[in-house]
N, C-alpha and C. Protein backbone atom coordinates (compact mmCIF):
# COMPACT_ATOMS: atom_id res chain seq x y z
N MET A 1 73.36 113.29 194.70
CA MET A 1 74.25 112.66 194.02
C MET A 1 73.23 112.40 192.56
N PRO A 2 74.25 112.94 191.69
CA PRO A 2 73.52 112.70 190.39
C PRO A 2 72.74 111.45 189.83
N THR A 3 71.83 111.26 189.66
CA THR A 3 71.38 109.99 188.50
C THR A 3 72.22 109.69 187.43
N ALA A 4 72.47 108.40 187.30
CA ALA A 4 73.37 107.54 186.45
C ALA A 4 72.60 107.84 185.07
N ILE A 5 72.83 108.28 184.30
CA ILE A 5 71.84 108.57 182.61
C ILE A 5 72.19 106.93 182.31
N ALA A 6 71.45 106.24 181.84
CA ALA A 6 71.62 104.92 181.17
C ALA A 6 71.42 105.58 179.61
N PHE A 7 72.60 105.08 178.93
CA PHE A 7 72.71 105.46 177.11
C PHE A 7 71.94 104.17 176.38
N LYS A 8 71.59 104.02 175.82
CA LYS A 8 71.03 103.06 175.13
C LYS A 8 72.46 102.49 174.21
N SER A 9 72.78 101.37 174.14
CA SER A 9 73.92 100.76 173.44
C SER A 9 73.03 100.32 172.09
N ARG A 10 74.37 100.98 171.39
CA ARG A 10 74.17 100.59 169.54
C ARG A 10 74.69 99.37 169.08
N PRO A 11 74.22 99.18 168.36
CA PRO A 11 74.66 97.62 167.63
C PRO A 11 75.98 98.19 167.05
N THR A 12 76.99 97.42 166.99
CA THR A 12 78.56 97.16 166.22
C THR A 12 78.28 97.29 164.78
N PHE A 13 78.74 97.76 164.31
CA PHE A 13 78.88 98.23 162.70
C PHE A 13 79.58 96.98 162.34
N ARG A 14 78.66 96.06 161.34
CA ARG A 14 79.49 95.51 160.74
C ARG A 14 79.20 95.24 159.07
N PRO A 15 80.41 95.28 158.82
CA PRO A 15 80.75 95.59 157.19
C PRO A 15 79.54 94.91 156.02
N PHE A 16 79.34 93.61 156.80
CA PHE A 16 78.96 92.60 155.77
C PHE A 16 77.50 92.14 156.63
N PRO A 17 76.67 91.66 155.83
CA PRO A 17 75.26 90.98 156.84
C PRO A 17 76.13 89.80 157.13
N LEU A 18 75.46 88.93 158.04
CA LEU A 18 75.45 87.71 158.53
C LEU A 18 75.80 86.56 157.75
N HIS A 19 74.60 86.53 156.84
CA HIS A 19 74.39 85.48 155.76
C HIS A 19 75.82 85.09 154.99
N SER A 20 75.89 83.79 155.42
CA SER A 20 76.74 82.88 155.04
C SER A 20 76.94 83.04 153.24
N HIS A 21 76.10 83.32 152.43
CA HIS A 21 76.75 82.87 151.07
C HIS A 21 76.96 84.60 150.38
N VAL A 22 76.62 85.67 151.60
CA VAL A 22 77.03 86.98 151.16
C VAL A 22 78.40 87.03 151.42
N ASN A 23 78.74 86.59 152.83
CA ASN A 23 80.01 86.40 153.38
C ASN A 23 81.06 85.90 152.16
N ALA A 24 80.69 84.43 151.70
CA ALA A 24 81.40 83.63 150.48
C ALA A 24 81.69 84.57 149.15
N THR A 25 80.19 85.03 148.61
CA THR A 25 80.29 85.97 147.87
C THR A 25 81.74 87.29 147.83
N HIS A 26 81.61 88.11 148.95
CA HIS A 26 82.42 88.76 149.36
C HIS A 26 84.18 88.57 149.18
N SER A 27 84.48 87.40 149.79
CA SER A 27 85.82 86.28 149.59
C SER A 27 86.08 86.50 148.80
N ARG A 28 84.87 85.68 147.35
CA ARG A 28 85.71 85.81 146.33
C ARG A 28 86.05 86.81 145.53
N LEU A 29 85.11 87.92 145.81
CA LEU A 29 85.21 89.13 145.11
C LEU A 29 86.94 89.55 145.72
N ARG A 30 86.90 89.62 147.21
CA ARG A 30 88.20 90.15 147.76
C ARG A 30 89.53 89.47 146.70
N ALA A 31 89.32 87.99 146.37
CA ALA A 31 90.46 87.25 145.99
C ALA A 31 90.74 87.50 144.63
N HIS A 32 89.35 87.88 144.24
CA HIS A 32 89.75 88.08 142.94
C HIS A 32 90.35 89.46 142.48
N LEU A 33 90.06 90.36 143.23
CA LEU A 33 90.61 91.57 143.26
C LEU A 33 92.21 92.03 143.88
N GLN A 34 92.33 90.66 144.70
CA GLN A 34 93.74 90.43 144.72
C GLN A 34 94.64 90.16 143.54
N THR A 35 94.14 88.85 143.27
CA THR A 35 94.79 88.65 142.33
C THR A 35 94.99 89.34 140.79
N LEU A 36 93.57 90.50 140.43
CA LEU A 36 93.89 91.54 139.64
C LEU A 36 95.03 92.61 139.96
N ILE A 37 95.25 92.70 141.32
CA ILE A 37 96.42 93.83 141.89
C ILE A 37 97.92 92.90 141.15
N THR A 38 98.01 91.60 141.92
CA THR A 38 99.13 90.97 141.53
C THR A 38 99.19 90.89 140.02
N ILE A 39 98.26 90.76 139.48
CA ILE A 39 98.86 90.91 137.90
C ILE A 39 99.45 92.09 137.23
N ARG A 40 98.53 92.88 137.82
CA ARG A 40 99.11 94.51 137.48
C ARG A 40 100.48 95.17 137.74
N LEU A 41 100.92 94.41 139.25
CA LEU A 41 101.97 94.73 139.76
C LEU A 41 102.96 93.75 138.75
N GLN A 42 102.79 92.57 138.57
CA GLN A 42 103.83 91.93 137.70
C GLN A 42 103.90 92.58 136.14
N GLY A 43 103.10 92.98 135.82
CA GLY A 43 102.95 93.75 134.62
C GLY A 43 104.23 94.91 134.43
N LEU A 44 103.62 96.18 135.49
CA LEU A 44 104.51 96.69 135.71
C LEU A 44 106.15 96.43 136.10
N GLU A 45 106.11 95.51 136.67
CA GLU A 45 107.61 94.95 137.14
C GLU A 45 108.08 94.41 135.49
N MET A 46 107.50 93.93 134.78
CA MET A 46 108.13 93.37 133.53
C MET A 46 108.63 94.56 132.37
N LYS A 47 107.60 95.54 132.81
CA LYS A 47 107.69 96.77 131.82
C LYS A 47 108.98 97.78 132.08
N SER A 48 109.23 97.40 133.50
CA SER A 48 110.30 98.20 134.42
C SER A 48 111.97 96.96 133.88
N ARG A 49 111.75 95.92 134.07
CA ARG A 49 112.96 95.64 133.39
C ARG A 49 112.83 95.92 132.20
N ALA A 50 112.27 95.63 130.96
CA ALA A 50 112.47 95.91 129.79
C ALA A 50 112.87 97.41 129.81
N ARG A 51 112.66 98.38 130.02
CA ARG A 51 112.93 99.95 130.05
C ARG A 51 114.58 99.62 130.72
N SER A 52 114.83 98.37 131.80
CA SER A 52 116.38 98.93 132.50
C SER A 52 117.12 98.63 131.52
N GLY A 53 116.82 97.83 130.59
CA GLY A 53 117.58 97.18 129.74
C GLY A 53 119.00 98.31 128.91
N GLY A 54 118.56 99.20 129.22
CA GLY A 54 119.34 100.46 128.41
C GLY A 54 118.58 101.32 127.61
N GLY A 55 119.64 102.34 126.94
CA GLY A 55 118.91 103.02 126.30
C GLY A 55 118.61 102.96 124.65
N ASP A 56 119.38 101.37 124.66
CA ASP A 56 119.13 100.67 123.07
C ASP A 56 118.70 100.01 122.86
N SER A 57 117.25 99.52 123.75
CA SER A 57 116.70 98.65 123.94
C SER A 57 115.30 99.00 122.93
N ARG A 58 115.18 100.29 122.92
CA ARG A 58 114.11 100.79 122.34
C ARG A 58 114.46 100.79 120.43
N LEU A 59 115.82 100.90 120.48
CA LEU A 59 116.25 100.71 118.93
C LEU A 59 116.33 99.39 118.54
N SER A 60 116.47 98.19 119.57
CA SER A 60 116.21 97.06 119.11
C SER A 60 114.89 96.59 119.13
N VAL A 61 114.14 97.15 119.43
CA VAL A 61 112.61 96.83 119.05
C VAL A 61 112.37 96.97 118.06
N ARG A 62 112.23 97.95 117.00
CA ARG A 62 112.27 98.77 115.95
C ARG A 62 112.81 97.80 114.89
N LYS A 63 112.05 97.61 113.75
CA LYS A 63 112.45 97.09 112.67
C LYS A 63 112.64 97.74 111.53
N THR A 64 114.11 97.24 111.00
CA THR A 64 114.11 98.14 109.85
C THR A 64 113.65 97.55 108.49
N LYS A 65 112.98 98.37 107.40
CA LYS A 65 112.38 97.57 106.37
C LYS A 65 113.85 97.10 105.65
N VAL A 66 113.37 96.07 104.97
CA VAL A 66 114.26 94.93 104.13
C VAL A 66 113.87 95.60 102.63
N GLU A 67 115.06 95.88 102.03
CA GLU A 67 114.95 96.59 100.69
C GLU A 67 115.07 95.31 99.73
N LYS A 68 113.68 95.86 98.69
CA LYS A 68 113.61 94.73 98.26
C LYS A 68 114.19 94.75 96.82
N ASP A 69 114.70 93.50 96.36
CA ASP A 69 115.46 93.34 95.17
C ASP A 69 114.66 93.76 93.82
N PRO A 70 115.17 94.84 93.27
CA PRO A 70 114.66 95.13 91.75
C PRO A 70 114.41 94.15 90.84
N ASN A 71 115.31 93.35 90.99
CA ASN A 71 115.63 92.49 89.71
C ASN A 71 114.81 91.13 89.98
N LYS A 72 113.88 91.12 90.97
CA LYS A 72 113.46 89.76 91.19
C LYS A 72 112.11 89.95 90.54
N PRO A 73 111.55 88.76 90.09
CA PRO A 73 110.44 88.83 88.83
C PRO A 73 109.17 89.19 90.05
N LYS A 74 108.17 89.84 89.43
CA LYS A 74 106.92 90.14 90.08
C LYS A 74 106.21 88.96 90.33
N ARG A 75 105.28 88.32 91.15
CA ARG A 75 104.34 87.59 91.05
C ARG A 75 103.37 87.56 90.50
N PRO A 76 102.66 86.44 89.55
CA PRO A 76 102.13 86.46 88.46
C PRO A 76 100.60 86.88 89.08
N PRO A 77 99.40 87.77 88.06
CA PRO A 77 98.28 87.73 88.68
C PRO A 77 97.36 86.71 88.55
N THR A 78 96.20 86.59 89.53
CA THR A 78 95.43 85.55 89.82
C THR A 78 94.41 85.35 88.77
N ALA A 79 93.60 84.24 88.49
CA ALA A 79 92.64 84.72 87.18
C ALA A 79 91.93 85.72 87.82
N PHE A 80 91.65 85.99 88.86
CA PHE A 80 90.57 87.31 88.91
C PHE A 80 90.93 88.95 88.65
N PHE A 81 92.52 88.60 88.61
CA PHE A 81 93.17 89.95 88.43
C PHE A 81 93.29 90.14 86.41
N VAL A 82 93.54 89.16 86.17
CA VAL A 82 93.75 88.95 84.90
C VAL A 82 92.31 89.43 84.26
N PHE A 83 91.42 88.87 84.96
CA PHE A 83 89.60 89.25 84.48
C PHE A 83 89.67 90.68 84.49
N MET A 84 89.79 91.26 85.67
CA MET A 84 89.91 92.76 85.92
C MET A 84 90.55 93.65 85.02
N GLU A 85 91.88 93.14 84.64
CA GLU A 85 92.63 94.20 83.68
C GLU A 85 91.65 94.48 82.61
N GLU A 86 90.84 93.46 81.85
CA GLU A 86 89.88 93.33 81.08
C GLU A 86 88.78 94.54 81.43
N PHE A 87 88.31 93.91 82.31
CA PHE A 87 87.21 94.25 82.78
C PHE A 87 87.16 95.93 82.96
N ARG A 88 88.15 96.23 83.97
CA ARG A 88 88.08 97.70 83.82
C ARG A 88 88.04 98.48 82.56
N LYS A 89 89.30 97.81 81.49
CA LYS A 89 89.07 98.87 80.09
C LYS A 89 87.69 98.59 79.62
N ASP A 90 86.56 97.62 79.41
CA ASP A 90 85.41 97.87 79.35
C ASP A 90 84.76 98.88 80.03
N TYR A 91 84.55 98.65 81.35
CA TYR A 91 84.06 99.03 82.23
C TYR A 91 84.22 100.90 81.84
N LYS A 92 85.17 101.18 81.77
CA LYS A 92 85.58 102.96 81.92
C LYS A 92 85.33 103.29 80.60
N GLU A 93 84.84 102.43 79.57
CA GLU A 93 84.32 102.92 78.28
C GLU A 93 83.07 102.45 77.91
N LYS A 94 82.56 101.99 78.71
CA LYS A 94 80.86 102.28 78.78
C LYS A 94 80.51 103.30 79.86
N HIS A 95 81.23 103.69 80.86
CA HIS A 95 80.53 104.64 81.77
C HIS A 95 81.90 105.34 82.21
N PRO A 96 82.05 106.41 81.34
CA PRO A 96 83.54 107.37 81.31
C PRO A 96 83.56 108.33 82.77
N ASN A 97 82.22 108.97 83.45
CA ASN A 97 82.25 109.50 84.20
C ASN A 97 82.34 108.94 85.60
N VAL A 98 82.72 107.43 85.64
CA VAL A 98 82.95 107.02 87.15
C VAL A 98 84.31 107.04 87.13
N LYS A 99 85.03 107.45 88.26
CA LYS A 99 86.22 107.57 88.72
C LYS A 99 86.53 106.75 89.78
N GLN A 100 85.55 106.53 90.72
CA GLN A 100 86.13 105.88 91.31
C GLN A 100 86.36 104.55 91.52
N VAL A 101 87.66 104.07 92.05
CA VAL A 101 88.06 102.33 91.78
C VAL A 101 87.41 101.73 92.51
N SER A 102 86.95 102.39 93.91
CA SER A 102 86.00 101.16 94.49
C SER A 102 84.88 100.61 93.66
N VAL A 103 84.28 101.61 93.44
CA VAL A 103 82.98 101.26 92.16
C VAL A 103 83.49 100.41 91.08
N ILE A 104 84.41 100.71 90.54
CA ILE A 104 84.63 99.79 89.71
C ILE A 104 85.17 98.23 90.00
N GLY A 105 85.77 98.45 91.32
CA GLY A 105 85.92 97.08 91.74
C GLY A 105 85.21 96.46 92.29
N LYS A 106 84.35 97.07 92.88
CA LYS A 106 82.33 96.14 93.22
C LYS A 106 81.73 96.08 92.09
N ALA A 107 81.91 96.48 90.88
CA ALA A 107 81.15 96.06 89.77
C ALA A 107 81.96 94.88 89.38
N GLY A 108 83.24 94.87 89.41
CA GLY A 108 84.33 93.83 88.84
C GLY A 108 83.52 92.53 89.50
N GLY A 109 84.03 92.73 90.93
CA GLY A 109 83.50 91.26 91.98
C GLY A 109 82.09 91.06 91.72
N ASP A 110 81.29 91.31 91.50
CA ASP A 110 80.01 91.17 91.29
C ASP A 110 80.35 90.25 89.84
N MET A 111 80.55 90.49 89.10
CA MET A 111 80.62 90.31 87.54
C MET A 111 81.43 89.14 87.57
N TRP A 112 82.50 88.89 88.35
CA TRP A 112 83.07 87.66 88.45
C TRP A 112 82.51 86.35 89.34
N LYS A 113 81.57 86.82 90.10
CA LYS A 113 80.76 86.05 90.88
C LYS A 113 79.67 85.32 90.12
N SER A 114 79.39 86.37 89.45
CA SER A 114 78.30 86.01 88.41
C SER A 114 78.73 85.19 87.28
N LEU A 115 80.14 84.93 87.00
CA LEU A 115 80.38 84.10 85.99
C LEU A 115 80.61 82.15 86.31
N SER A 116 80.33 81.66 85.29
CA SER A 116 80.09 80.49 85.18
C SER A 116 81.86 79.90 85.37
N ASP A 117 82.17 78.65 85.42
CA ASP A 117 83.48 77.88 85.68
C ASP A 117 83.82 78.18 84.02
N ALA A 118 82.76 77.92 82.97
CA ALA A 118 83.28 77.69 81.42
C ALA A 118 83.44 79.38 81.10
N GLU A 119 83.03 80.36 81.86
CA GLU A 119 83.34 81.80 81.18
C GLU A 119 84.59 81.88 82.12
N LYS A 120 84.69 81.42 83.05
CA LYS A 120 86.14 81.70 83.71
C LYS A 120 87.61 80.90 83.19
N ALA A 121 87.26 80.06 82.49
CA ALA A 121 88.36 79.07 82.25
C ALA A 121 89.66 80.00 81.30
N PRO A 122 89.14 80.67 80.51
CA PRO A 122 90.24 81.52 79.72
C PRO A 122 91.26 82.13 80.42
N TYR A 123 90.48 82.99 81.44
CA TYR A 123 91.03 83.75 82.85
C TYR A 123 92.25 82.92 83.43
N VAL A 124 91.64 81.72 83.71
CA VAL A 124 92.31 80.79 84.89
C VAL A 124 93.52 80.27 83.42
N SER A 125 93.09 79.67 82.70
CA SER A 125 94.29 79.21 81.75
C SER A 125 95.47 80.30 81.53
N LYS A 126 95.10 81.32 81.27
CA LYS A 126 96.18 82.69 81.12
C LYS A 126 96.74 82.89 82.60
N ALA A 127 95.83 82.58 83.76
CA ALA A 127 97.17 82.96 84.87
C ALA A 127 97.92 81.77 84.93
N GLU A 128 97.25 80.32 84.69
CA GLU A 128 98.28 79.40 84.83
C GLU A 128 99.48 79.59 83.87
N LYS A 129 99.38 80.12 82.41
CA LYS A 129 100.62 80.43 81.90
C LYS A 129 101.52 81.23 82.65
N LEU A 130 100.79 82.46 83.04
CA LEU A 130 101.71 83.47 83.66
C LEU A 130 102.06 82.74 84.78
N LYS A 131 101.57 82.15 85.61
CA LYS A 131 102.56 81.20 86.55
C LYS A 131 103.46 80.35 85.79
N VAL A 132 103.53 79.76 85.03
CA VAL A 132 104.43 78.93 84.40
C VAL A 132 106.00 79.70 84.24
N GLU A 133 105.48 80.94 83.38
CA GLU A 133 106.74 81.45 83.02
C GLU A 133 107.53 82.15 84.66
N TYR A 134 106.67 82.64 85.50
CA TYR A 134 106.67 83.24 86.70
C TYR A 134 107.90 82.36 87.33
N THR A 135 107.98 81.00 87.12
CA THR A 135 108.42 79.71 88.18
C THR A 135 109.53 79.63 87.35
N LYS A 136 109.69 79.67 86.06
CA LYS A 136 110.94 79.79 85.20
C LYS A 136 111.91 81.18 85.39
N LYS A 137 110.81 82.19 85.33
CA LYS A 137 111.83 83.31 85.61
C LYS A 137 112.72 83.26 87.28
N MET A 138 111.48 82.71 88.12
CA MET A 138 112.26 82.64 89.48
C MET A 138 113.32 81.49 89.92
N ASP A 139 113.09 80.53 89.15
CA ASP A 139 114.52 79.48 89.01
C ASP A 139 115.37 79.72 88.10
N ALA A 140 115.42 80.90 87.09
CA ALA A 140 116.67 81.86 86.60
C ALA A 140 117.48 82.63 87.53
N TYR A 141 116.01 83.56 88.68
CA TYR A 141 116.56 84.23 89.34
C TYR A 141 117.27 83.81 90.58
N ASN A 142 117.25 82.71 91.21
CA ASN A 142 117.42 82.10 92.35
C ASN A 142 118.74 81.36 91.97
N ASN A 143 118.98 80.43 91.02
CA ASN A 143 120.12 80.05 90.25
C ASN A 143 121.61 81.40 90.35
N LYS A 144 120.82 82.14 89.72
CA LYS A 144 121.60 83.88 89.46
C LYS A 144 122.31 84.37 90.81
N GLN A 145 121.02 84.05 92.11
CA GLN A 145 121.43 84.59 93.36
C GLN A 145 122.39 83.45 94.14
N SER A 146 122.60 82.33 93.48
CA SER A 146 122.87 81.17 94.40
C SER A 146 124.34 81.36 93.63
N GLY A 147 124.87 81.61 92.66
CA GLY A 147 126.12 81.58 92.38
C GLY A 147 126.33 80.69 90.53
N GLY A 148 125.06 80.95 89.95
CA GLY A 148 124.64 80.45 88.71
C GLY A 148 125.34 78.91 88.81
N GLY A 149 124.88 78.12 89.69
CA GLY A 149 125.22 76.74 89.30
C GLY A 149 124.11 75.97 88.07
N PRO A 150 124.27 74.82 87.89
CA PRO A 150 123.83 74.10 86.82
C PRO A 150 122.07 74.22 87.17
N THR A 151 121.13 74.41 85.92
CA THR A 151 120.11 75.04 86.27
C THR A 151 119.22 73.42 86.56
N LEU A 152 117.90 73.55 86.71
CA LEU A 152 117.49 72.32 86.63
C LEU A 152 116.50 71.96 85.41
N SER A 153 116.58 72.60 84.26
CA SER A 153 116.44 72.28 83.13
C SER A 153 117.63 71.07 82.25
N GLY A 154 118.70 71.10 82.97
CA GLY A 154 119.67 70.74 82.59
C GLY A 154 120.33 71.32 81.07
N ASP A 155 120.38 72.35 81.57
CA ASP A 155 120.91 73.48 80.02
C ASP A 155 122.05 73.26 79.91
N SER A 156 123.24 73.03 81.57
CA SER A 156 124.46 73.10 81.36
C SER A 156 125.06 71.92 80.78
N ASP A 157 124.04 70.51 81.04
CA ASP A 157 124.68 69.06 80.52
C ASP A 157 124.70 69.19 79.22
N LYS A 158 123.59 69.83 78.48
CA LYS A 158 123.71 70.16 76.89
C LYS A 158 124.93 70.54 76.41
N SER A 159 125.06 71.71 77.13
CA SER A 159 126.89 72.69 76.60
C SER A 159 127.76 71.88 76.84
N LYS A 160 127.80 70.84 78.04
CA LYS A 160 128.86 69.93 78.00
C LYS A 160 128.99 69.10 77.09
N SER A 161 127.98 68.31 76.64
CA SER A 161 128.03 67.17 75.50
C SER A 161 128.61 67.73 74.35
N GLU A 162 127.82 69.09 74.19
CA GLU A 162 127.99 69.94 72.94
C GLU A 162 129.58 69.94 72.50
N GLY A 163 130.00 70.39 73.48
CA GLY A 163 131.68 70.30 73.68
C GLY A 163 132.42 68.98 73.10
N ASP A 164 131.61 68.39 73.73
CA ASP A 164 132.72 66.78 73.64
C ASP A 164 132.68 66.39 72.10
N GLU A 165 131.67 66.65 71.52
CA GLU A 165 131.64 65.99 69.75
C GLU A 165 132.77 66.83 69.17
């Protein structure tokens, strides 16, 4: 009778070490991965819902550009831009070879920063005057748009009182 051959038993394979802190780390990673998968699936589900709304859904997402009224007054320039109008003319006279807008703009910005409040005052006052004119034009424009009601300045009251005399 043949002799029985004794095989050495192999230890069972364990994917994770027996240490408790390592098992806790792996379980947290597993939970995090499960959360990420769930979030991803929810995102795909939301996308499919948006697409299943019909062929018009893409058209409704696109925005049409609103046409601007050409009669609407343009906003007035700030004090810096009032300064830049003058600065560009002077800079182009002194440096006729420089054609880059960025170079002129950078030089103007540096110059504006170096000016004191007293030197900026004329530009600020001019900008304020332009702003007052703009508000008057906007009031007239808004009154014209709303149907030509009485103006805020009271011009219509004067015309009524003149007609009564």
